[in-house]
N, C-alpha and C. Protein backbone atom coordinates (compact mmCIF):
# COMPACT_ATOMS: atom_id res chain seq x y z
N UNK A 1 111.77 163.57 111.46
CA UNK A 1 111.97 164.04 110.02
C UNK A 1 110.76 163.24 109.29
N UNK A 2 110.50 161.99 109.68
CA UNK A 2 109.17 161.31 109.07
C UNK A 2 108.21 162.11 108.93
N UNK A 3 107.85 163.14 110.12
CA UNK A 3 106.81 163.73 110.29
C UNK A 3 106.94 165.00 109.28
N UNK A 4 108.30 165.49 108.98
CA UNK A 4 108.08 166.67 108.40
C UNK A 4 108.33 166.50 106.75
N UNK A 5 108.63 165.30 106.47
CA UNK A 5 108.41 165.04 105.43
C UNK A 5 106.81 164.61 104.95
N UNK A 6 106.22 164.10 105.90
CA UNK A 6 104.90 163.80 105.33
C UNK A 6 103.75 164.59 105.74
N UNK A 7 104.48 165.83 106.20
CA UNK A 7 103.59 167.07 106.76
C UNK A 7 102.45 166.47 107.53
N UNK A 8 102.65 165.79 108.81
CA UNK A 8 101.99 165.67 109.86
C UNK A 8 101.69 166.65 110.88
N UNK A 9 100.83 166.74 111.24
CA UNK A 9 100.74 167.80 112.00
C UNK A 9 101.33 168.31 113.23
N UNK A 10 102.13 167.33 113.43
CA UNK A 10 103.20 167.63 114.25
C UNK A 10 104.34 167.86 113.87
N UNK A 11 104.70 168.43 112.76
CA UNK A 11 105.99 168.44 111.78
C UNK A 11 106.37 169.71 112.59
N UNK A 12 105.97 170.62 112.93
CA UNK A 12 106.35 172.21 113.33
C UNK A 12 107.20 171.72 114.82
N UNK A 13 106.74 170.87 115.42
CA UNK A 13 107.11 170.18 116.92
C UNK A 13 108.52 169.64 116.58
N UNK A 14 108.32 168.79 115.71
CA UNK A 14 109.75 167.90 115.06
C UNK A 14 110.94 169.08 114.57
N UNK A 15 110.60 169.99 113.78
CA UNK A 15 111.62 171.26 113.43
C UNK A 15 112.00 171.68 114.42
N UNK A 16 111.29 172.18 115.28
CA UNK A 16 111.82 172.88 116.39
C UNK A 16 112.66 172.04 117.26
N UNK A 17 112.30 170.64 117.45
CA UNK A 17 113.23 169.94 118.19
C UNK A 17 114.66 169.72 117.35
N UNK A 18 114.72 169.34 115.99
CA UNK A 18 115.85 169.56 115.09
C UNK A 18 116.42 170.68 115.68
N UNK A 19 116.15 171.70 115.66
CA UNK A 19 116.85 173.12 115.43
C UNK A 19 117.34 173.42 117.07
N UNK A 20 116.53 172.78 117.92
CA UNK A 20 117.13 172.79 119.41
C UNK A 20 118.64 171.75 119.53
N UNK A 21 118.08 170.83 118.61
CA UNK A 21 119.36 169.73 118.62
C UNK A 21 120.80 170.17 118.04
N UNK A 22 120.26 170.73 116.98
CA UNK A 22 121.51 171.63 116.23
C UNK A 22 122.12 172.60 116.96
N UNK A 23 121.64 173.43 117.72
CA UNK A 23 121.90 174.42 118.48
C UNK A 23 122.84 174.15 119.51
N UNK A 24 122.14 173.09 120.00
CA UNK A 24 122.81 172.47 121.05
C UNK A 24 124.13 171.83 121.21
N UNK A 25 124.12 171.20 119.91
CA UNK A 25 125.28 170.21 119.55
C UNK A 25 126.17 170.97 118.24
N UNK A 26 126.17 172.22 118.16
CA UNK A 26 126.57 172.72 116.84
C UNK A 26 128.36 172.45 116.96
N UNK A 27 128.80 172.40 117.93
CA UNK A 27 130.41 172.11 117.94
C UNK A 27 130.91 170.67 117.75
N UNK A 28 129.94 169.95 117.99
CA UNK A 28 129.98 168.51 117.78
C UNK A 28 129.55 168.21 115.75
N UNK A 29 128.77 169.15 115.47
CA UNK A 29 128.39 168.76 114.11
C UNK A 29 129.50 169.39 113.28
N UNK A 30 130.07 170.45 113.58
CA UNK A 30 131.18 170.98 113.08
C UNK A 30 132.48 170.28 112.84
N UNK A 31 132.54 169.39 113.80
CA UNK A 31 134.04 168.88 114.00
C UNK A 31 133.46 167.49 113.21
N UNK A 32 132.69 167.11 112.99
CA UNK A 32 132.19 165.99 112.49
C UNK A 32 132.38 166.09 110.91
N UNK A 33 131.76 167.44 110.33
CA UNK A 33 131.72 167.79 109.03
C UNK A 33 133.39 168.02 108.68
N UNK A 34 134.06 168.73 109.73
CA UNK A 34 135.56 169.10 109.57
C UNK A 34 136.43 167.56 109.10
N UNK A 35 136.24 166.79 110.07
CA UNK A 35 136.45 165.42 109.81
C UNK A 35 136.36 164.94 108.55
N UNK A 36 134.75 164.66 107.98
CA UNK A 36 134.63 164.30 106.90
C UNK A 36 135.06 165.10 105.55
N UNK A 37 135.42 166.19 105.70
CA UNK A 37 135.83 167.42 104.49
C UNK A 37 137.49 166.69 104.41
N UNK A 38 138.23 166.59 105.98
CA UNK A 38 139.50 166.07 105.42
C UNK A 38 139.75 164.90 105.11
N UNK A 39 138.91 164.04 105.36
CA UNK A 39 138.83 162.66 104.67
C UNK A 39 138.91 162.69 103.18
N UNK A 40 137.91 163.47 102.65
CA UNK A 40 137.56 163.69 101.12
C UNK A 40 138.79 164.23 101.11
N UNK A 41 139.27 165.23 101.16
CA UNK A 41 140.69 165.83 100.56
C UNK A 41 141.53 165.22 100.62
N UNK A 42 142.07 164.24 101.87
CA UNK A 42 142.97 163.32 101.54
C UNK A 42 142.66 162.36 100.40
N UNK A 43 141.40 161.93 100.06
CA UNK A 43 141.22 160.78 99.09
C UNK A 43 141.74 161.67 97.69
N UNK A 44 141.15 162.93 97.70
CA UNK A 44 141.22 163.50 96.20
C UNK A 44 142.90 163.77 96.53
N UNK A 45 143.93 164.34 97.35
CA UNK A 45 145.03 164.31 97.25
C UNK A 45 145.52 162.86 96.94
N UNK A 46 145.40 161.73 97.23
CA UNK A 46 145.89 160.49 97.09
C UNK A 46 145.48 160.38 95.51
N UNK A 47 144.19 160.63 94.82
CA UNK A 47 144.13 160.38 93.46
C UNK A 47 144.82 161.10 92.77
N UNK A 48 145.30 162.59 93.05
CA UNK A 48 145.76 163.51 92.19
C UNK A 48 147.38 162.98 91.95
N UNK A 49 147.82 162.32 93.06
CA UNK A 49 149.24 162.15 93.17
C UNK A 49 149.39 160.58 92.52
N UNK A 50 148.35 159.91 92.46
CA UNK A 50 148.38 158.40 91.36
C UNK A 50 147.97 159.02 90.21
N UNK A 51 147.50 160.33 89.78
CA UNK A 51 147.09 160.71 88.68
C UNK A 51 149.03 160.94 87.86
N UNK A 52 149.56 162.09 88.83
CA UNK A 52 150.60 162.35 88.20
C UNK A 52 151.66 161.61 88.12
N UNK A 53 151.85 160.30 89.19
CA UNK A 53 152.69 159.31 88.92
C UNK A 53 152.51 158.55 87.58
N UNK A 54 151.19 158.41 87.39
CA UNK A 54 150.72 157.63 85.97
C UNK A 54 151.01 158.32 84.60
N UNK A 55 151.23 159.53 85.04
CA UNK A 55 151.50 160.35 83.91
C UNK A 55 152.93 160.61 83.83
N UNK A 56 154.07 160.48 84.79
CA UNK A 56 155.29 160.53 84.80
C UNK A 56 155.60 159.24 84.14
N UNK A 57 155.21 158.21 84.59
CA UNK A 57 155.51 156.69 84.25
C UNK A 57 155.32 156.79 82.59
N UNK A 58 154.26 157.30 82.17
CA UNK A 58 154.00 157.34 80.93
C UNK A 58 154.87 158.03 79.78
N UNK A 59 155.13 159.36 80.79
CA UNK A 59 156.21 160.35 79.88
C UNK A 59 157.66 159.39 79.89
N UNK A 60 158.14 158.82 81.07
CA UNK A 60 159.45 158.40 81.04
C UNK A 60 159.59 156.84 80.34
N UNK A 61 158.22 156.10 79.67
CA UNK A 61 157.99 154.99 78.69
C UNK A 61 158.20 155.73 77.44
N UNK A 62 157.59 156.49 77.05
CA UNK A 62 157.98 157.18 75.60
C UNK A 62 158.74 158.11 75.75
N UNK A 63 159.58 158.50 76.48
CA UNK A 63 161.45 158.92 76.08
C UNK A 63 162.17 157.98 75.86
N UNK A 64 161.75 156.93 76.77
CA UNK A 64 162.74 155.77 76.77
C UNK A 64 162.41 154.84 75.48
N UNK A 65 161.05 154.98 74.83
CA UNK A 65 160.73 154.28 73.48
C UNK A 65 161.71 155.22 72.30
N UNK A 66 161.77 156.67 72.59
CA UNK A 66 162.36 157.41 71.58
C UNK A 66 164.13 156.99 71.70
N UNK A 67 164.26 156.81 72.70
CA UNK A 67 165.51 156.74 72.82
C UNK A 67 166.39 155.40 72.16
N UNK A 68 164.93 154.43 72.19
CA UNK A 68 165.49 152.70 71.76
C UNK A 68 165.75 153.23 70.14
N UNK A 69 164.43 153.93 69.85
CA UNK A 69 164.16 154.24 68.12
C UNK A 69 165.47 154.77 67.56
N UNK A 70 166.07 156.00 68.63
CA UNK A 70 167.13 156.64 68.06
C UNK A 70 168.25 155.85 68.06
N UNK A 71 168.62 155.01 69.20
CA UNK A 71 169.83 154.12 68.87
C UNK A 71 169.64 153.59 67.93
N UNK A 72 168.42 152.64 67.53
CA UNK A 72 168.51 151.72 66.53
C UNK A 72 168.94 152.19 65.03
N UNK A 73 168.48 153.74 65.09
CA UNK A 73 168.55 154.32 63.55
C UNK A 73 169.90 154.76 63.72
N UNK A 74 170.60 155.00 64.79
CA UNK A 74 172.01 155.28 64.75
C UNK A 74 173.03 154.01 64.10
N UNK A 75 172.67 152.89 65.04
CA UNK A 75 173.19 151.53 64.77
C UNK A 75 173.13 151.76 63.40
N UNK A 76 171.83 151.54 62.81
CA UNK A 76 171.64 150.73 61.30
C UNK A 76 172.44 151.79 60.48
N UNK A 77 172.47 153.29 60.80
CA UNK A 77 173.33 154.51 59.74
C UNK A 77 174.95 153.95 60.10
N UNK A 78 174.93 153.82 61.40
CA UNK A 78 176.78 153.72 61.36
C UNK A 78 177.25 152.07 60.50
N UNK A 79 176.31 151.24 60.79
CA UNK A 79 176.83 149.84 60.13
C UNK A 79 176.79 149.88 58.52
N UNK A 80 175.55 150.90 58.03
CA UNK A 80 175.46 151.24 56.50
C UNK A 80 177.16 151.99 56.08
N UNK A 81 177.57 152.75 57.10
CA UNK A 81 178.43 153.62 56.74
C UNK A 81 180.09 152.57 56.76
N UNK A 82 179.54 151.48 57.75
CA UNK A 82 180.98 150.77 58.17
C UNK A 82 180.88 149.57 56.51
N UNK A 83 179.71 149.22 55.98
CA UNK A 83 179.62 148.39 54.88
C UNK A 83 180.25 149.46 53.63
N UNK A 84 179.79 150.75 53.62
CA UNK A 84 180.20 151.65 52.53
C UNK A 84 182.11 151.91 52.42
N UNK A 85 182.35 151.97 53.64
CA UNK A 85 183.79 152.09 53.84
C UNK A 85 184.01 153.67 54.20
N UNK A 86 183.30 154.07 54.90
CA UNK A 86 183.08 155.21 55.27
C UNK A 86 183.61 155.63 56.64
N UNK A 87 183.53 154.30 57.33
CA UNK A 87 183.96 154.22 58.76
C UNK A 87 184.61 153.00 58.92
N UNK A 88 185.25 152.84 60.19
CA UNK A 88 186.04 151.82 60.42
C UNK A 88 185.43 150.98 60.99
N UNK A 89 184.29 151.35 62.28
CA UNK A 89 183.71 150.33 62.87
C UNK A 89 182.56 151.05 63.37
N UNK A 90 181.24 150.29 64.16
CA UNK A 90 180.02 150.60 64.57
C UNK A 90 180.58 151.15 66.02
N UNK A 91 180.20 152.26 66.68
CA UNK A 91 180.63 152.74 68.31
C UNK A 91 180.55 151.90 68.90
N UNK A 92 181.24 151.65 69.88
CA UNK A 92 181.11 150.47 70.92
C UNK A 92 179.83 150.47 71.51
N UNK A 93 179.44 151.71 72.17
CA UNK A 93 178.34 151.85 72.85
C UNK A 93 176.90 151.47 71.98
N UNK A 94 176.98 151.72 70.86
CA UNK A 94 175.86 151.06 70.12
C UNK A 94 176.11 149.64 69.96
N UNK A 95 177.04 149.16 69.75
CA UNK A 95 177.02 147.66 69.66
C UNK A 95 176.67 147.05 70.95
N UNK A 96 177.20 147.45 72.21
CA UNK A 96 176.62 146.83 73.21
C UNK A 96 174.99 147.11 73.47
N UNK A 97 174.77 148.08 73.18
CA UNK A 97 173.16 148.24 73.32
C UNK A 97 172.46 147.23 72.77
N UNK A 98 173.24 147.40 71.37
CA UNK A 98 172.23 146.08 70.59
C UNK A 98 172.48 144.82 70.97
N UNK A 99 173.58 144.35 71.74
CA UNK A 99 174.08 143.28 71.97
C UNK A 99 173.15 142.67 73.42
N UNK A 100 173.26 143.62 73.95
CA UNK A 100 172.15 143.59 75.60
C UNK A 100 170.66 143.89 75.44
N UNK A 101 170.23 144.11 74.50
CA UNK A 101 169.00 144.66 74.33
C UNK A 101 168.94 146.24 74.64
N UNK A 102 168.16 147.35 73.59
CA UNK A 102 168.33 148.40 73.96
C UNK A 102 167.98 149.06 75.20
N UNK A 103 166.61 148.24 75.64
CA UNK A 103 166.07 148.83 76.60
C UNK A 103 166.86 149.00 77.85
N UNK A 104 167.51 148.01 78.09
CA UNK A 104 168.11 147.49 79.29
C UNK A 104 169.58 148.71 79.39
N UNK A 105 170.14 148.58 78.11
CA UNK A 105 171.44 149.46 78.12
C UNK A 105 171.40 150.75 78.14
N UNK A 106 170.39 151.08 77.47
CA UNK A 106 169.78 152.59 77.31
C UNK A 106 169.63 153.29 78.88
N UNK A 107 168.87 152.01 79.73
CA UNK A 107 168.56 152.59 80.89
C UNK A 107 169.92 152.70 81.60
N UNK A 108 170.77 152.32 81.99
CA UNK A 108 172.17 152.20 82.14
C UNK A 108 172.73 153.16 81.67
N UNK A 109 172.84 153.49 80.72
CA UNK A 109 173.13 154.93 80.44
C UNK A 109 172.59 155.76 80.73
N UNK A 110 171.72 156.07 80.33
CA UNK A 110 170.88 157.01 81.18
C UNK A 110 171.08 157.39 82.56
N UNK A 111 170.92 156.38 83.34
CA UNK A 111 171.40 156.52 85.16
C UNK A 111 172.66 156.61 85.37
N UNK A 112 173.56 156.63 84.15
CA UNK A 112 175.03 157.03 84.69
C UNK A 112 175.93 155.76 85.19
N UNK A 113 175.50 154.75 84.89
CA UNK A 113 176.23 153.33 85.52
C UNK A 113 176.89 152.61 84.17
N UNK A 114 176.57 153.48 83.23
CA UNK A 114 177.29 152.60 81.84
C UNK A 114 178.79 152.71 82.23
N UNK A 115 179.34 153.76 82.80
CA UNK A 115 180.96 153.55 82.72
C UNK A 115 181.25 152.50 83.93
N UNK A 116 180.37 152.46 84.99
CA UNK A 116 181.01 151.37 85.99
C UNK A 116 180.49 150.22 85.66
N UNK A 117 179.72 149.61 84.96
CA UNK A 117 179.57 148.36 84.40
C UNK A 117 180.36 148.17 83.11
N UNK A 118 181.02 149.12 81.99
CA UNK A 118 181.43 148.80 80.93
C UNK A 118 182.75 148.15 81.28
N UNK A 119 182.98 146.91 80.89
CA UNK A 119 184.27 146.21 80.86
C UNK A 119 184.78 145.57 79.37
N UNK A 120 186.14 145.63 79.37
CA UNK A 120 186.73 145.54 78.29
C UNK A 120 186.80 143.71 78.19
N UNK A 121 186.53 143.16 76.77
CA UNK A 121 186.28 142.26 76.56
C UNK A 121 187.86 141.81 76.28
N UNK A 122 187.95 140.31 76.42
CA UNK A 122 189.36 139.69 76.38
C UNK A 122 189.86 139.87 74.78
N UNK A 123 191.12 140.24 74.69
CA UNK A 123 191.51 140.53 72.95
C UNK A 123 191.87 139.06 72.49
N UNK A 124 191.46 138.68 71.39
CA UNK A 124 191.96 137.37 70.51
C UNK A 124 193.29 137.53 69.77
N UNK A 125 193.96 136.83 69.62
CA UNK A 125 195.49 136.62 69.16
C UNK A 125 195.34 136.97 67.67
N UNK A 126 195.50 137.60 66.97
CA UNK A 126 195.50 137.93 65.36
C UNK A 126 196.41 136.52 64.93
N UNK A 127 195.84 136.18 63.62
CA UNK A 127 196.57 135.05 63.04
C UNK A 127 198.16 135.66 62.55
N UNK A 128 198.58 134.85 62.37
CA UNK A 128 200.05 135.00 61.81
C UNK A 128 200.27 135.97 60.70
N UNK A 129 199.37 135.67 59.81
CA UNK A 129 199.52 136.69 58.44
C UNK A 129 198.49 137.55 58.64
N UNK A 130 197.80 137.76 59.54
CA UNK A 130 197.41 138.81 59.99
C UNK A 130 195.93 138.84 59.34
N UNK A 131 195.04 139.76 59.80
CA UNK A 131 193.64 139.60 59.76
C UNK A 131 193.39 139.73 58.03
N UNK A 132 192.38 138.89 57.66
CA UNK A 132 191.94 138.52 56.30
C UNK A 132 190.97 139.81 56.11
N UNK A 133 191.63 140.55 55.01
CA UNK A 133 190.83 141.94 54.41
C UNK A 133 190.13 141.44 53.36
N UNK A 134 188.90 142.37 53.35
CA UNK A 134 188.11 141.89 52.06
C UNK A 134 188.74 142.44 50.62
N UNK A 135 188.46 141.66 49.69
CA UNK A 135 189.00 141.69 48.88
C UNK A 135 188.56 143.38 47.97
N UNK A 136 187.53 143.20 48.11
CA UNK A 136 186.65 144.40 47.45
C UNK A 136 186.00 145.21 48.64
N UNK A 137 186.30 146.30 48.53
CA UNK A 137 185.67 147.22 49.45
C UNK A 137 184.16 147.72 48.80
N UNK A 138 183.52 147.52 49.90
CA UNK A 138 182.25 148.37 49.45
C UNK A 138 182.07 149.44 49.02
N UNK A 139 181.48 149.74 48.22
CA UNK A 139 180.95 151.37 47.63
C UNK A 139 179.53 151.54 47.35
N UNK A 140 179.20 152.69 47.42
CA UNK A 140 177.66 152.82 47.10
C UNK A 140 177.11 152.24 46.07
N UNK A 141 177.53 151.66 44.80
CA UNK A 141 177.11 151.25 43.79
C UNK A 141 176.93 149.65 44.14
N UNK A 142 177.90 148.92 44.81
CA UNK A 142 177.67 147.52 45.49
C UNK A 142 176.68 147.67 46.26
N UNK A 143 176.85 148.28 47.34
CA UNK A 143 175.87 148.28 48.32
C UNK A 143 174.22 148.56 47.59
N UNK A 144 174.30 149.44 47.05
CA UNK A 144 172.50 149.74 46.20
C UNK A 144 172.33 148.73 45.51
N UNK A 145 173.28 147.97 44.37
CA UNK A 145 173.22 146.70 44.00
C UNK A 145 172.37 145.49 45.15
N UNK A 146 173.24 145.22 46.32
CA UNK A 146 172.83 144.37 46.99
C UNK A 146 171.61 144.91 47.63
N UNK A 147 171.26 145.97 48.07
CA UNK A 147 170.04 146.23 48.53
C UNK A 147 168.84 145.58 47.48
N UNK A 148 169.12 146.27 46.31
CA UNK A 148 168.16 146.03 45.17
C UNK A 148 167.85 144.58 44.82
N UNK A 149 168.83 143.59 45.17
CA UNK A 149 168.90 142.22 44.76
C UNK A 149 167.60 141.66 45.90
N UNK A 150 167.94 142.34 46.99
CA UNK A 150 167.01 141.58 48.10
C UNK A 150 167.62 141.32 49.26
């Protein structure tokens, strides 16, 4: 090869030797090339699988963030409705999600484990005179005044 590159006088002999070697060992050369191609293909497949997995994880994270934002929005809306008297109480699943941290609770609900792990908390006895009721029910006007006051 050195002779061929430097164009020495016996370069033709060297070319002939190389051609003769290639013809004599053609099957071994082909086998080595196919092994290299297989290794490269395996590496490319692994890279593609890792990229797909990263994209899937990113998509799952984004969906989780959207679900958390939606749950927070629903909780805020329902708590406002409770303050305005349009609703009795905030739904239990939103309260549980808010108490336990939205991310963990929403994961549990998405996986369907919420029903299995959802337990009823112990009841508290009501006082003899009954529960104290608010003297004034919040209406929109009082709510807006409070919001404006800060």
